[in-house]
Amino acid sequence: MTGDAALTQEDRDLLHGRNFAHFATLMADGSPHVAPVWVDERDGKVLVNTAEGRVKITNVGRDPRVAVSVTDSANPYRWVSIRGRVVRIIEEGAEDHIDELSRRYNGTDYPAHGGRRILEIVPERVARSGS
């Protein structure tokens, strides 16, 4: 297992694959909130698409520290764990992005739109195994 703040090509491959992630945010009392999510990557930043009003949005608005863990669906011993901060909550293009993710994960456009947001995460610590 290794760790630093930069994503490798192998990390990017996991983030661009059809691999589910677990996304952790911090509740107001400091306890963790973890949810399974679809995940993506752009320019070295991790992207999580969510809907306005979800706990994830509330939590990162208060405390931008997050963690994302992605396991290779074909080899569960290959994974990447990323700790970082949400640096932007992006509205523009979020509906198109959820369609892209849905096509990757389900083969069709996302069935419901409205109020989507992209959480843009800058990695601060990356650990990986099995590459």
Protein backbone atom coordinates (compact mmCIF):
# COMPACT_ATOMS: atom_id res chain seq x y z
CA MET A 1 0.00 0.00 0.00
CA THR A 2 1.30 3.44 -0.89
CA GLY A 3 0.13 6.96 -0.16
CA ASP A 4 0.51 10.47 -1.53
CA ALA A 5 -1.79 13.17 -2.88
CA ALA A 6 -1.55 12.44 -6.62
CA LEU A 7 -3.79 10.06 -8.54
CA THR A 8 -1.97 7.50 -10.67
CA GLN A 9 -3.23 6.24 -14.02
CA GLU A 10 -4.32 3.05 -12.23
CA ASP A 11 -6.35 5.16 -9.76
CA ARG A 12 -7.95 7.05 -12.66
CA ASP A 13 -8.81 3.74 -14.34
CA LEU A 14 -10.70 2.66 -11.22
CA LEU A 15 -12.51 6.02 -11.05
CA HIS A 16 -13.46 5.80 -14.74
CA GLY A 17 -14.55 2.17 -14.55
CA ARG A 18 -17.88 0.67 -13.66
CA ASN A 19 -16.83 0.48 -10.01
CA PHE A 20 -18.97 1.57 -7.11
CA ALA A 21 -17.51 3.90 -4.50
CA HIS A 22 -18.27 4.63 -0.89
CA PHE A 23 -18.36 8.32 -0.09
CA ALA A 24 -17.87 9.57 3.47
CA THR A 25 -18.83 13.01 4.76
CA LEU A 26 -19.01 14.38 8.30
CA MET A 27 -22.27 15.00 10.14
CA ALA A 28 -22.67 18.09 12.36
CA ASP A 29 -21.75 16.04 15.44
CA GLY A 30 -18.56 14.78 13.73
CA SER A 31 -19.85 11.28 13.08
CA PRO A 32 -19.33 9.82 9.59
CA HIS A 33 -22.03 9.47 6.96
CA VAL A 34 -21.15 6.91 4.28
CA ALA A 35 -23.12 6.26 1.10
CA PRO A 36 -22.52 4.16 -2.01
CA VAL A 37 -22.12 6.38 -5.08
CA TRP A 38 -21.14 6.41 -8.70
CA VAL A 39 -17.79 8.10 -9.12
CA ASP A 40 -15.78 9.87 -11.81
CA GLU A 41 -12.51 11.77 -12.29
CA ARG A 42 -11.48 14.85 -14.23
CA ASP A 43 -8.08 16.59 -14.26
CA GLY A 44 -6.92 14.77 -11.13
CA LYS A 45 -10.05 15.62 -9.17
CA VAL A 46 -12.65 13.10 -7.98
CA LEU A 47 -16.26 13.81 -8.97
CA VAL A 48 -19.37 12.67 -7.13
CA ASN A 49 -22.78 13.55 -8.58
CA THR A 50 -25.62 14.00 -6.10
CA ALA A 51 -28.95 15.77 -5.74
CA GLU A 52 -29.61 19.08 -4.00
CA GLY A 53 -31.05 18.50 -0.54
CA ARG A 54 -29.17 15.25 0.12
CA VAL A 55 -27.21 14.82 3.35
CA LYS A 56 -23.98 14.84 1.33
CA ILE A 57 -24.61 18.41 0.14
CA THR A 58 -25.50 19.63 3.63
CA ASN A 59 -22.44 17.99 5.16
CA VAL A 60 -19.86 19.26 2.64
CA GLY A 61 -21.36 22.75 2.85
CA ARG A 62 -20.49 22.75 6.53
CA ASP A 63 -17.25 20.70 6.42
CA PRO A 64 -15.59 19.99 3.05
CA ARG A 65 -13.45 17.09 4.32
CA VAL A 66 -14.46 13.81 2.65
CA ALA A 67 -13.21 10.34 1.80
CA VAL A 68 -13.89 8.13 -1.21
CA SER A 69 -13.08 4.43 -1.45
CA VAL A 70 -13.30 2.55 -4.76
CA THR A 71 -12.87 -1.20 -5.19
CA ASP A 72 -12.26 -2.84 -8.56
CA SER A 73 -15.41 -4.85 -9.34
CA ALA A 74 -13.28 -7.45 -11.15
CA ASN A 75 -10.63 -7.74 -8.41
CA PRO A 76 -11.71 -6.72 -4.89
CA TYR A 77 -8.08 -6.76 -3.75
CA ARG A 78 -7.41 -3.77 -6.03
CA TRP A 79 -8.66 -0.53 -4.50
CA VAL A 80 -7.97 3.15 -3.97
CA SER A 81 -8.89 5.22 -0.93
CA ILE A 82 -8.85 9.00 -1.25
CA ARG A 83 -9.10 11.63 1.47
CA GLY A 84 -9.58 15.21 0.37
CA ARG A 85 -11.77 18.29 0.30
CA VAL A 86 -14.72 19.36 -1.77
CA VAL A 87 -13.47 22.55 -3.43
CA ARG A 88 -16.51 23.25 -5.62
CA ILE A 89 -20.15 22.30 -5.87
CA ILE A 90 -20.95 22.54 -9.57
CA GLU A 91 -24.45 22.94 -10.97
CA GLU A 92 -23.61 23.60 -14.64
CA GLY A 93 -23.38 20.33 -16.56
CA ALA A 94 -24.48 18.18 -13.61
CA GLU A 95 -27.56 16.83 -15.45
CA ASP A 96 -25.42 15.76 -18.43
CA HIS A 97 -22.88 14.26 -16.06
CA ILE A 98 -25.48 12.09 -14.28
CA ASP A 99 -26.60 10.82 -17.70
CA GLU A 100 -22.97 9.94 -18.55
CA LEU A 101 -22.59 8.09 -15.26
CA SER A 102 -25.91 6.29 -15.70
CA ARG A 103 -24.90 5.13 -19.19
CA ARG A 104 -21.60 3.81 -17.75
CA TYR A 105 -23.22 2.02 -14.82
CA ASN A 106 -26.67 1.10 -16.22
CA GLY A 107 -26.48 1.50 -20.00
CA THR A 108 -29.22 4.16 -20.15
CA ASP A 109 -29.75 7.83 -19.35
CA TYR A 110 -30.62 8.68 -15.75
CA PRO A 111 -34.40 8.41 -15.24
CA ALA A 112 -34.94 11.52 -13.09
CA HIS A 113 -33.43 14.98 -13.44
CA GLY A 114 -33.60 18.17 -11.45
CA GLY A 115 -31.33 19.70 -8.87
CA ARG A 116 -28.20 17.67 -9.63
CA ARG A 117 -24.81 18.85 -8.35
CA ILE A 118 -21.24 17.67 -8.91
CA LEU A 119 -18.98 17.61 -5.87
CA GLU A 120 -15.41 18.30 -7.02
CA ILE A 121 -12.85 16.79 -4.65
CA VAL A 122 -9.14 17.58 -4.53
CA PRO A 123 -7.20 14.57 -3.20
CA GLU A 124 -4.98 15.26 -0.19
CA ARG A 125 -4.05 11.67 0.67
CA VAL A 126 -4.30 8.61 -1.55
CA ALA A 127 -3.74 5.01 -0.53
CA ARG A 128 -3.99 2.04 -2.86
CA SER A 129 -3.44 -1.67 -3.07
CA GLY A 130 -3.34 -4.38 -5.69
CA SER A 131 -2.41 -2.32 -8.72
